[in-house]
Amino acid sequence: AGARWLSDGLLAVAVAMYGLLLAAWARRVTRHRHDVAAEL
C-alpha cells in the first residue's frame, strides 16, 4: 500500500518474535518433549 517505513518496522518485529519463539520452543522440545508429543 506504499508505507515502506511501517512495513520495515513490522518486519523487524516479526523477525524478533520469530527468534524469541524459536529459542523458547527449542527449550520446550528439549525439556518437555513428552508434553509436546501429547499435543501432537
All heavy atoms as atom14 arrays in JSON, in Angstrom:
{
  "sequence": "AGARWLSDGLLAVAVAMYGLLLAAWARRVTRHRHDVAAEL",
  "atom14_mask": [
    [1, 1, 1, 1, 1, 0, 0, 0, 0, 0, 0, 0, 0, 0],
    [1, 1, 1, 1, 0, 0, 0, 0, 0, 0, 0, 0, 0, 0],
    [1, 1, 1, 1, 1, 0, 0, 0, 0, 0, 0, 0, 0, 0],
    [1, 1, 1, 1, 1, 1, 1, 1, 1, 1, 1, 0, 0, 0],
    [1, 1, 1, 1, 1, 1, 1, 1, 1, 1, 1, 1, 1, 1],
    [1, 1, 1, 1, 1, 1, 1, 1, 0, 0, 0, 0, 0, 0],
    [1, 1, 1, 1, 1, 1, 0, 0, 0, 0, 0, 0, 0, 0],
    [1, 1, 1, 1, 1, 1, 1, 1, 0, 0, 0, 0, 0, 0],
    [1, 1, 1, 1, 0, 0, 0, 0, 0, 0, 0, 0, 0, 0],
    [1, 1, 1, 1, 1, 1, 1, 1, 0, 0, 0, 0, 0, 0],
    [1, 1, 1, 1, 1, 1, 1, 1, 0, 0, 0, 0, 0, 0],
    [1, 1, 1, 1, 1, 0, 0, 0, 0, 0, 0, 0, 0, 0],
    [1, 1, 1, 1, 1, 1, 1, 0, 0, 0, 0, 0, 0, 0],
    [1, 1, 1, 1, 1, 0, 0, 0, 0, 0, 0, 0, 0, 0],
    [1, 1, 1, 1, 1, 1, 1, 0, 0, 0, 0, 0, 0, 0],
    [1, 1, 1, 1, 1, 0, 0, 0, 0, 0, 0, 0, 0, 0],
    [1, 1, 1, 1, 1, 1, 1, 1, 0, 0, 0, 0, 0, 0],
    [1, 1, 1, 1, 1, 1, 1, 1, 1, 1, 1, 1, 0, 0],
    [1, 1, 1, 1, 0, 0, 0, 0, 0, 0, 0, 0, 0, 0],
    [1, 1, 1, 1, 1, 1, 1, 1, 0, 0, 0, 0, 0, 0],
    [1, 1, 1, 1, 1, 1, 1, 1, 0, 0, 0, 0, 0, 0],
    [1, 1, 1, 1, 1, 1, 1, 1, 0, 0, 0, 0, 0, 0],
    [1, 1, 1, 1, 1, 0, 0, 0, 0, 0, 0, 0, 0, 0],
    [1, 1, 1, 1, 1, 0, 0, 0, 0, 0, 0, 0, 0, 0],
    [1, 1, 1, 1, 1, 1, 1, 1, 1, 1, 1, 1, 1, 1],
    [1, 1, 1, 1, 1, 0, 0, 0, 0, 0, 0, 0, 0, 0],
    [1, 1, 1, 1, 1, 1, 1, 1, 1, 1, 1, 0, 0, 0],
    [1, 1, 1, 1, 1, 1, 1, 1, 1, 1, 1, 0, 0, 0],
    [1, 1, 1, 1, 1, 1, 1, 0, 0, 0, 0, 0, 0, 0],
    [1, 1, 1, 1, 1, 1, 1, 0, 0, 0, 0, 0, 0, 0],
    [1, 1, 1, 1, 1, 1, 1, 1, 1, 1, 1, 0, 0, 0],
    [1, 1, 1, 1, 1, 1, 1, 1, 1, 1, 0, 0, 0, 0],
    [1, 1, 1, 1, 1, 1, 1, 1, 1, 1, 1, 0, 0, 0],
    [1, 1, 1, 1, 1, 1, 1, 1, 1, 1, 0, 0, 0, 0],
    [1, 1, 1, 1, 1, 1, 1, 1, 0, 0, 0, 0, 0, 0],
    [1, 1, 1, 1, 1, 1, 1, 0, 0, 0, 0, 0, 0, 0],
    [1, 1, 1, 1, 1, 0, 0, 0, 0, 0, 0, 0, 0, 0],
    [1, 1, 1, 1, 1, 0, 0, 0, 0, 0, 0, 0, 0, 0],
    [1, 1, 1, 1, 1, 1, 1, 1, 1, 0, 0, 0, 0, 0],
    [1, 1, 1, 1, 1, 1, 1, 1, 0, 0, 0, 0, 0, 0]
  ],
  "atom14_positions": [
    [[0.82, -1.22, 0.0], [0.0, 0.0, 0.0], [0.85, 1.26, 0.0], [0.3, 2.37, -0.02], [-0.94, 0.0, 1.2], [0.0, 0.0, 0.0], [0.0, 0.0, 0.0], [0.0, 0.0, 0.0], [0.0, 0.0, 0.0], [0.0, 0.0, 0.0], [0.0, 0.0, 0.0], [0.0, 0.0, 0.0], [0.0, 0.0, 0.0], [0.0, 0.0, 0.0]],
    [[2.17, 1.12, 0.07], [3.06, 2.27, -0.04], [3.73, 2.71, 1.24], [4.57, 3.62, 1.2], [0.0, 0.0, 0.0], [0.0, 0.0, 0.0], [0.0, 0.0, 0.0], [0.0, 0.0, 0.0], [0.0, 0.0, 0.0], [0.0, 0.0, 0.0], [0.0, 0.0, 0.0], [0.0, 0.0, 0.0], [0.0, 0.0, 0.0], [0.0, 0.0, 0.0]],
    [[3.42, 2.11, 2.37], [4.01, 2.52, 3.65], [5.25, 1.68, 3.94], [5.23, 0.77, 4.78], [2.98, 2.39, 4.77], [0.0, 0.0, 0.0], [0.0, 0.0, 0.0], [0.0, 0.0, 0.0], [0.0, 0.0, 0.0], [0.0, 0.0, 0.0], [0.0, 0.0, 0.0], [0.0, 0.0, 0.0], [0.0, 0.0, 0.0], [0.0, 0.0, 0.0]],
    [[6.35, 1.99, 3.25], [7.55, 1.18, 3.39], [8.12, 1.24, 4.8], [8.62, 0.24, 5.33], [8.61, 1.63, 2.4], [8.26, 1.37, 0.94], [8.05, -0.1, 0.65], [9.12, -0.95, 1.12], [9.13, -2.27, 1.04], [8.08, -2.9, 0.53], [10.15, -2.98, 1.48], [0.0, 0.0, 0.0], [0.0, 0.0, 0.0], [0.0, 0.0, 0.0]],
    [[8.08, 2.41, 5.41], [8.65, 2.54, 6.76], [7.9, 1.67, 7.76], [8.51, 1.02, 8.6], [8.6, 4.01, 7.19], [7.21, 4.58, 7.23], [6.52, 5.15, 6.19], [6.31, 4.58, 8.34], [5.26, 5.52, 6.57], [5.09, 5.2, 7.9], [6.39, 4.16, 9.66], [4.0, 5.37, 8.73], [5.29, 4.34, 10.5], [4.12, 4.93, 10.03]],
    [[6.58, 1.65, 7.66], [5.79, 0.81, 8.56], [6.01, -0.66, 8.24], [6.11, -1.5, 9.15], [4.31, 1.16, 8.43], [3.33, 0.38, 9.31], [3.7, 0.51, 10.78], [1.9, 0.85, 9.06], [0.0, 0.0, 0.0], [0.0, 0.0, 0.0], [0.0, 0.0, 0.0], [0.0, 0.0, 0.0], [0.0, 0.0, 0.0], [0.0, 0.0, 0.0]],
    [[6.11, -0.99, 6.97], [6.36, -2.36, 6.56], [7.68, -2.87, 7.12], [7.75, -3.99, 7.66], [6.35, -2.45, 5.03], [6.68, -3.75, 4.6], [0.0, 0.0, 0.0], [0.0, 0.0, 0.0], [0.0, 0.0, 0.0], [0.0, 0.0, 0.0], [0.0, 0.0, 0.0], [0.0, 0.0, 0.0], [0.0, 0.0, 0.0], [0.0, 0.0, 0.0]],
    [[8.73, -2.05, 7.0], [10.04, -2.48, 7.52], [10.02, -2.61, 9.04], [10.65, -3.52, 9.59], [11.11, -1.47, 7.09], [11.36, -1.5, 5.59], [10.97, -2.49, 4.94], [11.93, -0.52, 5.07], [0.0, 0.0, 0.0], [0.0, 0.0, 0.0], [0.0, 0.0, 0.0], [0.0, 0.0, 0.0], [0.0, 0.0, 0.0], [0.0, 0.0, 0.0]],
    [[9.3, -1.73, 9.71], [9.2, -1.83, 11.16], [8.5, -3.1, 11.6], [8.94, -3.79, 12.54], [0.0, 0.0, 0.0], [0.0, 0.0, 0.0], [0.0, 0.0, 0.0], [0.0, 0.0, 0.0], [0.0, 0.0, 0.0], [0.0, 0.0, 0.0], [0.0, 0.0, 0.0], [0.0, 0.0, 0.0], [0.0, 0.0, 0.0], [0.0, 0.0, 0.0]],
    [[7.4, -3.42, 10.94], [6.68, -4.65, 11.28], [7.51, -5.89, 10.94], [7.46, -6.9, 11.67], [5.36, -4.7, 10.52], [4.27, -3.73, 11.0], [3.09, -3.72, 10.05], [3.82, -4.09, 12.41], [0.0, 0.0, 0.0], [0.0, 0.0, 0.0], [0.0, 0.0, 0.0], [0.0, 0.0, 0.0], [0.0, 0.0, 0.0], [0.0, 0.0, 0.0]],
    [[8.29, -5.82, 9.87], [9.18, -6.94, 9.54], [10.18, -7.17, 10.66], [10.45, -8.32, 11.05], [9.89, -6.68, 8.21], [10.95, -7.7, 7.82], [10.34, -9.09, 7.64], [11.66, -7.26, 6.53], [0.0, 0.0, 0.0], [0.0, 0.0, 0.0], [0.0, 0.0, 0.0], [0.0, 0.0, 0.0], [0.0, 0.0, 0.0], [0.0, 0.0, 0.0]],
    [[10.75, -6.09, 11.17], [11.71, -6.22, 12.26], [11.05, -6.84, 13.5], [11.65, -7.69, 14.18], [12.3, -4.85, 12.61], [0.0, 0.0, 0.0], [0.0, 0.0, 0.0], [0.0, 0.0, 0.0], [0.0, 0.0, 0.0], [0.0, 0.0, 0.0], [0.0, 0.0, 0.0], [0.0, 0.0, 0.0], [0.0, 0.0, 0.0], [0.0, 0.0, 0.0]],
    [[9.82, -6.44, 13.78], [9.09, -7.01, 14.91], [8.86, -8.51, 14.69], [9.04, -9.33, 15.6], [7.75, -6.28, 15.11], [6.87, -7.01, 16.13], [7.99, -4.85, 15.57], [0.0, 0.0, 0.0], [0.0, 0.0, 0.0], [0.0, 0.0, 0.0], [0.0, 0.0, 0.0], [0.0, 0.0, 0.0], [0.0, 0.0, 0.0], [0.0, 0.0, 0.0]],
    [[8.45, -8.87, 13.47], [8.19, -10.28, 13.16], [9.45, -11.12, 13.31], [9.41, -12.24, 13.85], [7.63, -10.41, 11.75], [0.0, 0.0, 0.0], [0.0, 0.0, 0.0], [0.0, 0.0, 0.0], [0.0, 0.0, 0.0], [0.0, 0.0, 0.0], [0.0, 0.0, 0.0], [0.0, 0.0, 0.0], [0.0, 0.0, 0.0], [0.0, 0.0, 0.0]],
    [[10.58, -10.61, 12.82], [11.84, -11.35, 12.94], [12.22, -11.52, 14.39], [12.67, -12.61, 14.82], [12.95, -10.63, 12.15], [14.31, -11.25, 12.46], [12.67, -10.7, 10.65], [0.0, 0.0, 0.0], [0.0, 0.0, 0.0], [0.0, 0.0, 0.0], [0.0, 0.0, 0.0], [0.0, 0.0, 0.0], [0.0, 0.0, 0.0], [0.0, 0.0, 0.0]],
    [[12.05, -10.47, 15.2], [12.38, -10.57, 16.62], [11.5, -11.59, 17.33], [11.98, -12.41, 18.13], [12.25, -9.19, 17.27], [0.0, 0.0, 0.0], [0.0, 0.0, 0.0], [0.0, 0.0, 0.0], [0.0, 0.0, 0.0], [0.0, 0.0, 0.0], [0.0, 0.0, 0.0], [0.0, 0.0, 0.0], [0.0, 0.0, 0.0], [0.0, 0.0, 0.0]],
    [[10.2, -11.55, 17.04], [9.28, -12.52, 17.65], [9.65, -13.94, 17.25], [9.63, -14.86, 18.06], [7.84, -12.21, 17.26], [7.25, -11.03, 17.97], [5.44, -10.95, 17.78], [5.31, -10.6, 16.05], [0.0, 0.0, 0.0], [0.0, 0.0, 0.0], [0.0, 0.0, 0.0], [0.0, 0.0, 0.0], [0.0, 0.0, 0.0], [0.0, 0.0, 0.0]],
    [[9.98, -14.11, 15.97], [10.33, -15.45, 15.49], [11.55, -15.98, 16.21], [11.57, -17.15, 16.65], [10.6, -15.38, 13.98], [10.85, -16.73, 13.34], [9.79, -17.54, 12.94], [12.14, -17.21, 13.15], [10.0, -18.77, 12.35], [12.36, -18.45, 12.56], [11.3, -19.22, 12.16], [11.52, -20.45, 11.6], [0.0, 0.0, 0.0], [0.0, 0.0, 0.0]],
    [[12.56, -15.15, 16.38], [13.76, -15.6, 17.08], [13.48, -15.97, 18.53], [13.97, -17.01, 19.01], [0.0, 0.0, 0.0], [0.0, 0.0, 0.0], [0.0, 0.0, 0.0], [0.0, 0.0, 0.0], [0.0, 0.0, 0.0], [0.0, 0.0, 0.0], [0.0, 0.0, 0.0], [0.0, 0.0, 0.0], [0.0, 0.0, 0.0], [0.0, 0.0, 0.0]],
    [[12.71, -15.16, 19.23], [12.38, -15.45, 20.63], [11.56, -16.74, 20.75], [11.83, -17.58, 21.62], [11.61, -14.28, 21.23], [12.39, -12.98, 21.45], [11.45, -11.86, 21.88], [13.5, -13.17, 22.48], [0.0, 0.0, 0.0], [0.0, 0.0, 0.0], [0.0, 0.0, 0.0], [0.0, 0.0, 0.0], [0.0, 0.0, 0.0], [0.0, 0.0, 0.0]],
    [[10.57, -16.87, 19.89], [9.73, -18.06, 19.95], [10.5, -19.32, 19.57], [10.3, -20.38, 20.16], [8.52, -17.89, 19.02], [7.45, -16.93, 19.52], [6.5, -16.56, 18.39], [6.68, -17.54, 20.68], [0.0, 0.0, 0.0], [0.0, 0.0, 0.0], [0.0, 0.0, 0.0], [0.0, 0.0, 0.0], [0.0, 0.0, 0.0], [0.0, 0.0, 0.0]],
    [[11.4, -19.19, 18.61], [12.19, -20.35, 18.19], [13.08, -20.82, 19.34], [13.18, -22.03, 19.6], [13.05, -19.99, 16.98], [13.62, -21.15, 16.17], [12.5, -21.99, 15.57], [14.53, -20.61, 15.06], [0.0, 0.0, 0.0], [0.0, 0.0, 0.0], [0.0, 0.0, 0.0], [0.0, 0.0, 0.0], [0.0, 0.0, 0.0], [0.0, 0.0, 0.0]],
    [[13.69, -19.87, 20.05], [14.53, -20.24, 21.19], [13.68, -20.88, 22.3], [14.08, -21.87, 22.92], [15.26, -19.01, 21.72], [0.0, 0.0, 0.0], [0.0, 0.0, 0.0], [0.0, 0.0, 0.0], [0.0, 0.0, 0.0], [0.0, 0.0, 0.0], [0.0, 0.0, 0.0], [0.0, 0.0, 0.0], [0.0, 0.0, 0.0], [0.0, 0.0, 0.0]],
    [[12.51, -20.29, 22.56], [11.65, -20.83, 23.62], [11.16, -22.24, 23.26], [11.11, -23.13, 24.12], [10.46, -19.9, 23.84], [0.0, 0.0, 0.0], [0.0, 0.0, 0.0], [0.0, 0.0, 0.0], [0.0, 0.0, 0.0], [0.0, 0.0, 0.0], [0.0, 0.0, 0.0], [0.0, 0.0, 0.0], [0.0, 0.0, 0.0], [0.0, 0.0, 0.0]],
    [[10.79, -22.45, 21.99], [10.33, -23.77, 21.59], [11.45, -24.79, 21.57], [11.22, -25.98, 21.87], [9.65, -23.71, 20.22], [8.18, -23.5, 20.37], [7.49, -22.34, 20.28], [7.22, -24.5, 20.71], [6.15, -22.55, 20.51], [5.96, -23.87, 20.78], [7.29, -25.87, 20.96], [4.8, -24.55, 21.09], [6.12, -26.56, 21.26], [4.9, -25.9, 21.33]],
    [[12.66, -24.36, 21.27], [13.79, -25.28, 21.34], [13.98, -25.77, 22.77], [14.23, -26.97, 23.01], [15.06, -24.6, 20.84], [0.0, 0.0, 0.0], [0.0, 0.0, 0.0], [0.0, 0.0, 0.0], [0.0, 0.0, 0.0], [0.0, 0.0, 0.0], [0.0, 0.0, 0.0], [0.0, 0.0, 0.0], [0.0, 0.0, 0.0], [0.0, 0.0, 0.0]],
    [[13.85, -24.87, 23.73], [13.93, -25.27, 25.14], [12.79, -26.21, 25.51], [12.98, -27.2, 26.23], [13.9, -24.04, 26.05], [15.14, -23.17, 25.99], [15.19, -22.22, 27.15], [14.02, -21.36, 27.22], [13.91, -20.18, 26.64], [14.93, -19.72, 25.91], [12.82, -19.46, 26.75], [0.0, 0.0, 0.0], [0.0, 0.0, 0.0], [0.0, 0.0, 0.0]],
    [[11.59, -25.88, 25.01], [10.45, -26.71, 25.39], [10.57, -28.12, 24.83], [10.29, -29.11, 25.53], [9.14, -26.09, 24.88], [7.97, -26.89, 25.4], [6.65, -26.28, 25.06], [5.63, -27.05, 25.76], [4.48, -27.43, 25.26], [4.16, -27.12, 24.03], [3.64, -28.14, 25.96], [0.0, 0.0, 0.0], [0.0, 0.0, 0.0], [0.0, 0.0, 0.0]],
    [[10.94, -28.23, 23.56], [11.1, -29.56, 22.96], [12.17, -30.36, 23.69], [12.04, -31.58, 23.88], [11.43, -29.42, 21.46], [11.81, -30.77, 20.87], [10.24, -28.83, 20.71], [0.0, 0.0, 0.0], [0.0, 0.0, 0.0], [0.0, 0.0, 0.0], [0.0, 0.0, 0.0], [0.0, 0.0, 0.0], [0.0, 0.0, 0.0], [0.0, 0.0, 0.0]],
    [[13.2, -29.69, 24.14], [14.29, -30.37, 24.85], [13.87, -30.83, 26.24], [14.14, -31.96, 26.65], [15.52, -29.44, 24.95], [15.93, -29.08, 23.64], [16.66, -30.14, 25.67], [0.0, 0.0, 0.0], [0.0, 0.0, 0.0], [0.0, 0.0, 0.0], [0.0, 0.0, 0.0], [0.0, 0.0, 0.0], [0.0, 0.0, 0.0], [0.0, 0.0, 0.0]],
    [[13.16, -29.96, 26.95], [12.85, -30.22, 28.35], [11.52, -30.94, 28.56], [11.34, -31.63, 29.56], [12.82, -28.9, 29.12], [14.15, -28.16, 29.1], [14.0, -26.81, 29.8], [15.24, -26.04, 29.75], [15.38, -24.82, 30.26], [14.34, -24.23, 30.84], [16.53, -24.18, 30.17], [0.0, 0.0, 0.0], [0.0, 0.0, 0.0], [0.0, 0.0, 0.0]],
    [[10.57, -30.73, 27.64], [9.22, -31.26, 27.85], [8.73, -31.99, 26.61], [7.6, -31.8, 26.15], [8.25, -30.12, 28.2], [8.71, -29.25, 29.32], [8.79, -29.69, 30.61], [9.13, -27.96, 29.32], [9.22, -28.7, 31.39], [9.45, -27.65, 30.62], [0.0, 0.0, 0.0], [0.0, 0.0, 0.0], [0.0, 0.0, 0.0], [0.0, 0.0, 0.0]],
    [[9.57, -32.82, 26.05], [9.2, -33.48, 24.8], [7.99, -34.39, 24.94], [7.26, -34.6, 23.98], [10.38, -34.26, 24.23], [11.04, -35.25, 25.15], [12.26, -35.88, 24.47], [12.99, -36.75, 25.37], [13.95, -36.35, 26.18], [14.27, -35.06, 26.21], [14.59, -37.19, 26.96], [0.0, 0.0, 0.0], [0.0, 0.0, 0.0], [0.0, 0.0, 0.0]],
    [[7.75, -34.94, 26.14], [6.57, -35.78, 26.32], [5.28, -34.96, 26.23], [4.27, -35.43, 25.69], [6.64, -36.51, 27.66], [7.8, -37.47, 27.76], [7.92, -38.57, 26.94], [8.89, -37.48, 28.56], [9.02, -39.23, 27.23], [9.64, -38.58, 28.21], [0.0, 0.0, 0.0], [0.0, 0.0, 0.0], [0.0, 0.0, 0.0], [0.0, 0.0, 0.0]],
    [[5.33, -33.73, 26.74], [4.16, -32.84, 26.61], [3.92, -32.49, 25.15], [2.77, -32.46, 24.69], [4.39, -31.56, 27.42], [4.4, -31.82, 28.92], [3.89, -32.87, 29.34], [4.9, -30.97, 29.66], [0.0, 0.0, 0.0], [0.0, 0.0, 0.0], [0.0, 0.0, 0.0], [0.0, 0.0, 0.0], [0.0, 0.0, 0.0], [0.0, 0.0, 0.0]],
    [[5.0, -32.18, 24.44], [4.86, -31.85, 23.01], [4.31, -33.05, 22.24], [3.42, -32.9, 21.39], [6.22, -31.42, 22.43], [6.11, -31.19, 20.93], [6.72, -30.16, 23.13], [0.0, 0.0, 0.0], [0.0, 0.0, 0.0], [0.0, 0.0, 0.0], [0.0, 0.0, 0.0], [0.0, 0.0, 0.0], [0.0, 0.0, 0.0], [0.0, 0.0, 0.0]],
    [[4.79, -34.24, 22.55], [4.3, -35.44, 21.88], [2.81, -35.64, 22.15], [2.04, -36.03, 21.26], [5.09, -36.66, 22.33], [0.0, 0.0, 0.0], [0.0, 0.0, 0.0], [0.0, 0.0, 0.0], [0.0, 0.0, 0.0], [0.0, 0.0, 0.0], [0.0, 0.0, 0.0], [0.0, 0.0, 0.0], [0.0, 0.0, 0.0], [0.0, 0.0, 0.0]],
    [[2.38, -35.35, 23.37], [0.96, -35.48, 23.7], [0.12, -34.48, 22.91], [-0.99, -34.8, 22.45], [0.75, -35.27, 25.2], [0.0, 0.0, 0.0], [0.0, 0.0, 0.0], [0.0, 0.0, 0.0], [0.0, 0.0, 0.0], [0.0, 0.0, 0.0], [0.0, 0.0, 0.0], [0.0, 0.0, 0.0], [0.0, 0.0, 0.0], [0.0, 0.0, 0.0]],
    [[0.62, -33.27, 22.72], [-0.11, -32.27, 21.95], [-0.19, -32.66, 20.48], [-1.17, -32.34, 19.8], [0.56, -30.91, 22.11], [0.37, -30.31, 23.49], [1.23, -29.1, 23.73], [2.19, -28.87, 22.96], [0.97, -28.37, 24.71], [0.0, 0.0, 0.0], [0.0, 0.0, 0.0], [0.0, 0.0, 0.0], [0.0, 0.0, 0.0], [0.0, 0.0, 0.0]],
    [[0.82, -33.34, 19.99], [0.8, -33.81, 18.61], [-0.19, -34.95, 18.41], [-0.52, -35.3, 17.28], [2.2, -34.25, 18.17], [3.2, -33.13, 17.94], [4.61, -33.69, 17.79], [2.83, -32.3, 16.72], [0.0, 0.0, 0.0], [0.0, 0.0, 0.0], [0.0, 0.0, 0.0], [0.0, 0.0, 0.0], [0.0, 0.0, 0.0], [0.0, 0.0, 0.0]]
  ]
}
